[in-house]
């Protein structure tokens, strides 16, 4: 079961990267994606309450934010590497 789940997650990740690359071909969407990354609008770690010790929920949120950031960056990189029509 673990191999099936891992394969599905990888497929979703690849699909999301492709969709970000397609969206980034539109200057409007590309600018929004870049703004999202530049302004750190993706919550990281315990930003909501910086005075507490991060628990498992915040660790999970941090891992999710890292994955979202990686997907967006890879999508932008793919869009920038592909020749414009």
PDB file of N, CA and C in Angstrom:
ATOM      1  N   UNK A   1       0.828  -1.203   0.000  1.00  0.00           N
ATOM      2  CA  UNK A   1       0.000   0.000   0.000  1.00  0.00           C
ATOM      3  C   UNK A   1       0.866   1.259   0.000  1.00  0.00           C
ATOM      4  N   UNK A   2       2.003   1.221   0.687  1.00  0.00           N
ATOM      5  CA  UNK A   2       2.879   2.379   0.755  1.00  0.00           C
ATOM      6  C   UNK A   2       3.409   2.798  -0.602  1.00  0.00           C
ATOM      7  N   UNK A   3       3.754   1.805  -1.436  1.00  0.00           N
ATOM      8  CA  UNK A   3       4.264   2.121  -2.774  1.00  0.00           C
ATOM      9  C   UNK A   3       3.199   2.787  -3.635  1.00  0.00           C
ATOM     10  N   UNK A   4       1.973   2.332  -3.494  1.00  0.00           N
ATOM     11  CA  UNK A   4       0.867   2.914  -4.262  1.00  0.00           C
ATOM     12  C   UNK A   4       0.640   4.360  -3.833  1.00  0.00           C
ATOM     13  N   UNK A   5       0.630   4.594  -2.538  1.00  0.00           N
ATOM     14  CA  UNK A   5       0.431   5.951  -2.026  1.00  0.00           C
ATOM     15  C   UNK A   5       1.558   6.872  -2.465  1.00  0.00           C
ATOM     16  N   UNK A   6       2.786   6.385  -2.379  1.00  0.00           N
ATOM     17  CA  UNK A   6       3.934   7.190  -2.795  1.00  0.00           C
ATOM     18  C   UNK A   6       3.862   7.533  -4.285  1.00  0.00           C
ATOM     19  N   UNK A   7       3.466   6.560  -5.097  1.00  0.00           N
ATOM     20  CA  UNK A   7       3.329   6.798  -6.540  1.00  0.00           C
ATOM     21  C   UNK A   7       2.252   7.837  -6.821  1.00  0.00           C
ATOM     22  N   UNK A   8       1.147   7.768  -6.096  1.00  0.00           N
ATOM     23  CA  UNK A   8       0.068   8.741  -6.296  1.00  0.00           C
ATOM     24  C   UNK A   8       0.500  10.138  -5.878  1.00  0.00           C
ATOM     25  N   UNK A   9       1.195  10.243  -4.760  1.00  0.00           N
ATOM     26  CA  UNK A   9       1.676  11.554  -4.295  1.00  0.00           C
ATOM     27  C   UNK A   9       2.647  12.141  -5.313  1.00  0.00           C
ATOM     28  N   UNK A  10       3.550  11.314  -5.823  1.00  0.00           N
ATOM     29  CA  UNK A  10       4.501  11.781  -6.831  1.00  0.00           C
ATOM     30  C   UNK A  10       3.778  12.238  -8.095  1.00  0.00           C
ATOM     31  N   UNK A  11       2.741  11.494  -8.497  1.00  0.00           N
ATOM     32  CA  UNK A  11       1.960  11.886  -9.673  1.00  0.00           C
ATOM     33  C   UNK A  11       1.273  13.234  -9.454  1.00  0.00           C
ATOM     34  N   UNK A  12       0.708  13.429  -8.265  1.00  0.00           N
ATOM     35  CA  UNK A  12       0.070  14.717  -7.955  1.00  0.00           C
ATOM     36  C   UNK A  12       1.091  15.842  -7.988  1.00  0.00           C
ATOM     37  N   UNK A  13       2.258  15.602  -7.428  1.00  0.00           N
ATOM     38  CA  UNK A  13       3.312  16.621  -7.400  1.00  0.00           C
ATOM     39  C   UNK A  13       3.725  17.003  -8.822  1.00  0.00           C
ATOM     40  N   UNK A  14       3.935  15.998  -9.662  1.00  0.00           N
ATOM     41  CA  UNK A  14       4.326  16.269 -11.049  1.00  0.00           C
ATOM     42  C   UNK A  14       3.244  17.042 -11.790  1.00  0.00           C
ATOM     43  N   UNK A  15       1.998  16.667 -11.555  1.00  0.00           N
ATOM     44  CA  UNK A  15       0.888  17.368 -12.186  1.00  0.00           C
ATOM     45  C   UNK A  15       0.828  18.824 -11.734  1.00  0.00           C
ATOM     46  N   UNK A  16       0.984  19.053 -10.438  1.00  0.00           N
ATOM     47  CA  UNK A  16       0.950  20.426  -9.918  1.00  0.00           C
ATOM     48  C   UNK A  16       2.086  21.272 -10.493  1.00  0.00           C
ATOM     49  N   UNK A  17       3.272  20.700 -10.597  1.00  0.00           N
ATOM     50  CA  UNK A  17       4.397  21.433 -11.184  1.00  0.00           C
ATOM     51  C   UNK A  17       4.074  21.798 -12.631  1.00  0.00           C
ATOM     52  N   UNK A  18       3.504  20.863 -13.374  1.00  0.00           N
ATOM     53  CA  UNK A  18       3.128  21.138 -14.768  1.00  0.00           C
ATOM     54  C   UNK A  18       2.070  22.232 -14.856  1.00  0.00           C
ATOM     55  N   UNK A  19       1.088  22.189 -13.968  1.00  0.00           N
ATOM     56  CA  UNK A  19       0.046  23.218 -13.973  1.00  0.00           C
ATOM     57  C   UNK A  19       0.611  24.595 -13.634  1.00  0.00           C
ATOM     58  N   UNK A  20       1.523  24.655 -12.674  1.00  0.00           N
ATOM     59  CA  UNK A  20       2.163  25.935 -12.344  1.00  0.00           C
ATOM     60  C   UNK A  20       2.944  26.443 -13.553  1.00  0.00           C
ATOM     61  N   UNK A  21       3.650  25.555 -14.240  1.00  0.00           N
ATOM     62  CA  UNK A  21       4.407  25.958 -15.433  1.00  0.00           C
ATOM     63  C   UNK A  21       3.478  26.504 -16.510  1.00  0.00           C
ATOM     64  N   UNK A  22       2.346  25.856 -16.702  1.00  0.00           N
ATOM     65  CA  UNK A  22       1.371  26.329 -17.698  1.00  0.00           C
ATOM     66  C   UNK A  22       0.827  27.696 -17.289  1.00  0.00           C
ATOM     67  N   UNK A  23       0.475  27.845 -16.023  1.00  0.00           N
ATOM     68  CA  UNK A  23      -0.042  29.129 -15.538  1.00  0.00           C
ATOM     69  C   UNK A  23       1.010  30.232 -15.676  1.00  0.00           C
ATOM     70  N   UNK A  24       2.263  29.883 -15.446  1.00  0.00           N
ATOM     71  CA  UNK A  24       3.324  30.885 -15.484  1.00  0.00           C
ATOM     72  C   UNK A  24       3.583  31.400 -16.891  1.00  0.00           C
ATOM     73  N   UNK A  25       3.022  30.743 -17.907  1.00  0.00           N
ATOM     74  CA  UNK A  25       3.128  31.271 -19.272  1.00  0.00           C
ATOM     75  C   UNK A  25       2.310  32.549 -19.440  1.00  0.00           C
ATOM     76  N   UNK A  26       1.334  32.750 -18.564  1.00  0.00           N
ATOM     77  CA  UNK A  26       0.533  33.967 -18.557  1.00  0.00           C
ATOM     78  C   UNK A  26       1.215  34.962 -17.610  1.00  0.00           C
ATOM     79  N   UNK A  27       1.652  36.135 -18.105  1.00  0.00           N
ATOM     80  CA  UNK A  27       2.370  37.088 -17.255  1.00  0.00           C
ATOM     81  C   UNK A  27       1.627  37.470 -15.971  1.00  0.00           C
ATOM     82  N   UNK A  28       0.313  37.539 -16.054  1.00  0.00           N
ATOM     83  CA  UNK A  28      -0.485  37.901 -14.873  1.00  0.00           C
ATOM     84  C   UNK A  28      -0.332  36.852 -13.766  1.00  0.00           C
ATOM     85  N   UNK A  29      -0.472  35.585 -14.154  1.00  0.00           N
ATOM     86  CA  UNK A  29      -0.352  34.510 -13.165  1.00  0.00           C
ATOM     87  C   UNK A  29       1.089  34.345 -12.694  1.00  0.00           C
ATOM     88  N   UNK A  30       2.024  34.507 -13.618  1.00  0.00           N
ATOM     89  CA  UNK A  30       3.439  34.390 -13.238  1.00  0.00           C
ATOM     90  C   UNK A  30       3.778  35.430 -12.177  1.00  0.00           C
ATOM     91  N   UNK A  31       3.302  36.654 -12.357  1.00  0.00           N
ATOM     92  CA  UNK A  31       3.560  37.712 -11.376  1.00  0.00           C
ATOM     93  C   UNK A  31       2.948  37.369 -10.022  1.00  0.00           C
ATOM     94  N   UNK A  32       1.763  36.785 -10.033  1.00  0.00           N
ATOM     95  CA  UNK A  32       1.109  36.411  -8.765  1.00  0.00           C
ATOM     96  C   UNK A  32       1.869  35.292  -8.063  1.00  0.00           C
ATOM     97  N   UNK A  33       2.360  34.325  -8.825  1.00  0.00           N
ATOM     98  CA  UNK A  33       3.142  33.237  -8.237  1.00  0.00           C
ATOM     99  C   UNK A  33       4.435  33.788  -7.644  1.00  0.00           C
ATOM    100  N   UNK A  34       5.106  34.662  -8.396  1.00  0.00           N
ATOM    101  CA  UNK A  34       6.358  35.264  -7.902  1.00  0.00           C
ATOM    102  C   UNK A  34       6.109  36.102  -6.655  1.00  0.00           C
ATOM    103  N   UNK A  35       5.011  36.840  -6.622  1.00  0.00           N
ATOM    104  CA  UNK A  35       4.669  37.633  -5.440  1.00  0.00           C
ATOM    105  C   UNK A  35       4.434  36.724  -4.243  1.00  0.00           C
ATOM    106  N   UNK A  36       3.722  35.644  -4.472  1.00  0.00           N
ATOM    107  CA  UNK A  36       3.464  34.685  -3.402  1.00  0.00           C
ATOM    108  C   UNK A  36       4.775  34.180  -2.805  1.00  0.00           C
ATOM    109  N   UNK A  37       5.738  33.876  -3.643  1.00  0.00           N
ATOM    110  CA  UNK A  37       7.036  33.391  -3.163  1.00  0.00           C
ATOM    111  C   UNK A  37       7.866  34.508  -2.535  1.00  0.00           C
ATOM    112  N   UNK A  38       7.915  35.670  -3.184  1.00  0.00           N
ATOM    113  CA  UNK A  38       8.746  36.777  -2.711  1.00  0.00           C
ATOM    114  C   UNK A  38       8.284  37.348  -1.383  1.00  0.00           C
ATOM    115  N   UNK A  39       6.985  37.417  -1.196  1.00  0.00           N
ATOM    116  CA  UNK A  39       6.451  38.029   0.017  1.00  0.00           C
ATOM    117  C   UNK A  39       6.196  37.013   1.123  1.00  0.00           C
ATOM    118  N   UNK A  40       6.646  35.786   0.897  1.00  0.00           N
ATOM    119  CA  UNK A  40       6.481  34.736   1.899  1.00  0.00           C
ATOM    120  C   UNK A  40       5.047  34.650   2.396  1.00  0.00           C
ATOM    121  N   UNK A  41       4.102  34.623   1.471  1.00  0.00           N
ATOM    122  CA  UNK A  41       2.695  34.544   1.843  1.00  0.00           C
ATOM    123  C   UNK A  41       2.279  33.130   2.232  1.00  0.00           C
ATOM    124  N   UNK A  42       3.191  32.182   2.059  1.00  0.00           N
ATOM    125  CA  UNK A  42       2.927  30.814   2.483  1.00  0.00           C
ATOM    126  C   UNK A  42       3.374  30.721   3.936  1.00  0.00           C
ATOM    127  N   UNK A  43       2.461  30.448   4.875  1.00  0.00           N
ATOM    128  CA  UNK A  43       2.847  30.403   6.290  1.00  0.00           C
ATOM    129  C   UNK A  43       3.937  29.369   6.548  1.00  0.00           C
ATOM    130  N   UNK A  44       4.962  29.764   7.268  1.00  0.00           N
ATOM    131  CA  UNK A  44       6.057  28.868   7.606  1.00  0.00           C
ATOM    132  C   UNK A  44       6.133  28.714   9.113  1.00  0.00           C
ATOM    133  N   UNK A  45       6.463  27.523   9.545  1.00  0.00           N
ATOM    134  CA  UNK A  45       6.699  27.224  10.951  1.00  0.00           C
ATOM    135  C   UNK A  45       5.573  27.750  11.821  1.00  0.00           C
ATOM    136  N   UNK A  46       5.945  28.463  12.913  1.00  0.00           N
ATOM    137  CA  UNK A  46       4.954  28.927  13.885  1.00  0.00           C
ATOM    138  C   UNK A  46       4.698  30.422  13.738  1.00  0.00           C
ATOM    139  N   UNK A  47       4.630  30.922  12.498  1.00  0.00           N
ATOM    140  CA  UNK A  47       4.448  32.355  12.273  1.00  0.00           C
ATOM    141  C   UNK A  47       3.185  32.906  12.910  1.00  0.00           C
ATOM    142  N   UNK A  48       2.154  32.081  13.037  1.00  0.00           N
ATOM    143  CA  UNK A  48       0.906  32.582  13.585  1.00  0.00           C
ATOM    144  C   UNK A  48       1.070  33.009  15.044  1.00  0.00           C
ATOM    145  N   UNK A  49       1.944  32.342  15.777  1.00  0.00           N
ATOM    146  CA  UNK A  49       2.181  32.657  17.178  1.00  0.00           C
ATOM    147  C   UNK A  49       3.651  32.397  17.486  1.00  0.00           C
ATOM    148  N   UNK A  50       4.525  33.390  17.219  1.00  0.00           N
ATOM    149  CA  UNK A  50       5.962  33.160  17.328  1.00  0.00           C
ATOM    150  C   UNK A  50       6.460  32.900  18.752  1.00  0.00           C
ATOM    151  N   UNK A  51       5.611  33.033  19.746  1.00  0.00           N
ATOM    152  CA  UNK A  51       6.064  32.832  21.109  1.00  0.00           C
ATOM    153  C   UNK A  51       5.952  31.407  21.612  1.00  0.00           C
ATOM    154  N   UNK A  52       5.379  30.524  20.814  1.00  0.00           N
ATOM    155  CA  UNK A  52       5.198  29.159  21.308  1.00  0.00           C
ATOM    156  C   UNK A  52       6.235  28.228  20.707  1.00  0.00           C
ATOM    157  N   UNK A  53       6.424  27.105  21.364  1.00  0.00           N
ATOM    158  CA  UNK A  53       7.321  26.084  20.852  1.00  0.00           C
ATOM    159  C   UNK A  53       6.565  25.302  19.791  1.00  0.00           C
ATOM    160  N   UNK A  54       7.177  25.131  18.618  1.00  0.00           N
ATOM    161  CA  UNK A  54       6.461  24.434  17.552  1.00  0.00           C
ATOM    162  C   UNK A  54       6.126  23.001  17.947  1.00  0.00           C
ATOM    163  N   UNK A  55       4.891  22.629  17.740  1.00  0.00           N
ATOM    164  CA  UNK A  55       4.462  21.268  17.991  1.00  0.00           C
ATOM    165  C   UNK A  55       4.373  20.516  16.687  1.00  0.00           C
ATOM    166  N   UNK A  56       3.813  19.328  16.729  1.00  0.00           N
ATOM    167  CA  UNK A  56       3.699  18.507  15.533  1.00  0.00           C
ATOM    168  C   UNK A  56       2.853  19.192  14.463  1.00  0.00           C
ATOM    169  N   UNK A  57       1.797  19.890  14.871  1.00  0.00           N
ATOM    170  CA  UNK A  57       0.950  20.575  13.892  1.00  0.00           C
ATOM    171  C   UNK A  57       1.745  21.638  13.138  1.00  0.00           C
ATOM    172  N   UNK A  58       2.586  22.380  13.853  1.00  0.00           N
ATOM    173  CA  UNK A  58       3.386  23.408  13.194  1.00  0.00           C
ATOM    174  C   UNK A  58       4.485  22.784  12.339  1.00  0.00           C
ATOM    175  N   UNK A  59       5.020  21.662  12.794  1.00  0.00           N
ATOM    176  CA  UNK A  59       6.031  20.970  11.991  1.00  0.00           C
ATOM    177  C   UNK A  59       5.420  20.499  10.684  1.00  0.00           C
ATOM    178  N   UNK A  60       4.203  19.973  10.765  1.00  0.00           N
ATOM    179  CA  UNK A  60       3.501  19.535   9.561  1.00  0.00           C
ATOM    180  C   UNK A  60       3.213  20.715   8.646  1.00  0.00           C
ATOM    181  N   UNK A  61       2.804  21.841   9.211  1.00  0.00           N
ATOM    182  CA  UNK A  61       2.532  23.040   8.427  1.00  0.00           C
ATOM    183  C   UNK A  61       3.810  23.518   7.744  1.00  0.00           C
ATOM    184  N   UNK A  62       4.921  23.452   8.450  1.00  0.00           N
ATOM    185  CA  UNK A  62       6.198  23.858   7.872  1.00  0.00           C
ATOM    186  C   UNK A  62       6.596  22.969   6.710  1.00  0.00           C
ATOM    187  N   UNK A  63       6.404  21.662   6.878  1.00  0.00           N
ATOM    188  CA  UNK A  63       6.717  20.734   5.785  1.00  0.00           C
ATOM    189  C   UNK A  63       5.812  20.989   4.582  1.00  0.00           C
ATOM    190  N   UNK A  64       4.552  21.261   4.848  1.00  0.00           N
ATOM    191  CA  UNK A  64       3.616  21.563   3.757  1.00  0.00           C
ATOM    192  C   UNK A  64       4.028  22.834   3.028  1.00  0.00           C
ATOM    193  N   UNK A  65       4.390  23.860   3.781  1.00  0.00           N
ATOM    194  CA  UNK A  65       4.809  25.127   3.180  1.00  0.00           C
ATOM    195  C   UNK A  65       6.070  24.937   2.340  1.00  0.00           C
ATOM    196  N   UNK A  66       6.998  24.121   2.826  1.00  0.00           N
ATOM    197  CA  UNK A  66       8.212  23.844   2.058  1.00  0.00           C
ATOM    198  C   UNK A  66       7.875  23.140   0.748  1.00  0.00           C
ATOM    199  N   UNK A  67       6.940  22.211   0.799  1.00  0.00           N
ATOM    200  CA  UNK A  67       6.554  21.480  -0.413  1.00  0.00           C
ATOM    201  C   UNK A  67       5.837  22.400  -1.397  1.00  0.00           C
ATOM    202  N   UNK A  68       4.951  23.250  -0.911  1.00  0.00           N
ATOM    203  CA  UNK A  68       4.257  24.208  -1.780  1.00  0.00           C
ATOM    204  C   UNK A  68       5.270  25.129  -2.446  1.00  0.00           C
ATOM    205  N   UNK A  69       6.207  25.636  -1.662  1.00  0.00           N
ATOM    206  CA  UNK A  69       7.247  26.514  -2.202  1.00  0.00           C
ATOM    207  C   UNK A  69       8.070  25.798  -3.266  1.00  0.00           C
ATOM    208  N   UNK A  70       8.453  24.559  -3.001  1.00  0.00           N
ATOM    209  CA  UNK A  70       9.236  23.792  -3.969  1.00  0.00           C
ATOM    210  C   UNK A  70       8.452  23.571  -5.263  1.00  0.00           C
ATOM    211  N   UNK A  71       7.170  23.255  -5.153  1.00  0.00           N
ATOM    212  CA  UNK A  71       6.339  23.042  -6.344  1.00  0.00           C
ATOM    213  C   UNK A  71       6.235  24.333  -7.155  1.00  0.00           C
ATOM    214  N   UNK A  72       5.988  25.447  -6.496  1.00  0.00           N
ATOM    215  CA  UNK A  72       5.885  26.726  -7.208  1.00  0.00           C
ATOM    216  C   UNK A  72       7.201  27.091  -7.879  1.00  0.00           C
ATOM    217  N   UNK A  73       8.313  26.926  -7.174  1.00  0.00           N
ATOM    218  CA  UNK A  73       9.630  27.258  -7.760  1.00  0.00           C
ATOM    219  C   UNK A  73       9.950  26.361  -8.950  1.00  0.00           C
ATOM    220  N   UNK A  74       9.656  25.063  -8.825  1.00  0.00           N
ATOM    221  CA  UNK A  74       9.938  24.150  -9.933  1.00  0.00           C
ATOM    222  C   UNK A  74       9.039  24.445 -11.133  1.00  0.00           C
ATOM    223  N   UNK A  75       7.798  24.816 -10.875  1.00  0.00           N
ATOM    224  CA  UNK A  75       6.908  25.189 -11.964  1.00  0.00           C
ATOM    225  C   UNK A  75       7.402  26.431 -12.691  1.00  0.00           C
ATOM    226  N   UNK A  76       7.837  27.434 -11.915  1.00  0.00           N
ATOM    227  CA  UNK A  76       8.385  28.654 -12.522  1.00  0.00           C
ATOM    228  C   UNK A  76       9.660  28.339 -13.299  1.00  0.00           C
ATOM    229  N   UNK A  77      10.506  27.506 -12.749  1.00  0.00           N
ATOM    230  CA  UNK A  77      11.750  27.145 -13.435  1.00  0.00           C
ATOM    231  C   UNK A  77      11.456  26.441 -14.750  1.00  0.00           C
ATOM    232  N   UNK A  78      10.471  25.551 -14.743  1.00  0.00           N
ATOM    233  CA  UNK A  78      10.101  24.843 -15.967  1.00  0.00           C
ATOM    234  C   UNK A  78       9.545  25.830 -16.996  1.00  0.00           C
ATOM    235  N   UNK A  79       8.722  26.777 -16.547  1.00  0.00           N
ATOM    236  CA  UNK A  79       8.160  27.777 -17.452  1.00  0.00           C
ATOM    237  C   UNK A  79       9.260  28.660 -18.037  1.00  0.00           C
ATOM    238  N   UNK A  80      10.227  29.032 -17.204  1.00  0.00           N
ATOM    239  CA  UNK A  80      11.323  29.879 -17.680  1.00  0.00           C
ATOM    240  C   UNK A  80      12.256  29.134 -18.630  1.00  0.00           C
ATOM    241  N   UNK A  81      12.334  27.816 -18.483  1.00  0.00           N
ATOM    242  CA  UNK A  81      13.238  27.022 -19.326  1.00  0.00           C
ATOM    243  C   UNK A  81      12.619  26.688 -20.672  1.00  0.00           C
ATOM    244  N   UNK A  82      11.296  26.688 -20.743  1.00  0.00           N
ATOM    245  CA  UNK A  82      10.650  26.330 -22.005  1.00  0.00           C
ATOM    246  C   UNK A  82      10.610  27.532 -22.928  1.00  0.00           C
ATOM    247  N   UNK A  83      10.824  27.280 -24.223  1.00  0.00           N
ATOM    248  CA  UNK A  83      10.794  28.396 -25.190  1.00  0.00           C
ATOM    249  C   UNK A  83       9.383  28.974 -25.298  1.00  0.00           C
ATOM    250  N   UNK A  84       9.313  30.292 -25.411  1.00  0.00           N
ATOM    251  CA  UNK A  84       8.033  30.980 -25.556  1.00  0.00           C
ATOM    252  C   UNK A  84       7.574  30.895 -26.995  1.00  0.00           C
ATOM    253  N   UNK A  85       6.283  30.648 -27.167  1.00  0.00           N
ATOM    254  CA  UNK A  85       5.728  30.540 -28.530  1.00  0.00           C
ATOM    255  C   UNK A  85       5.530  31.891 -29.128  1.00  0.00           C
TER     256      UNK A  85
END
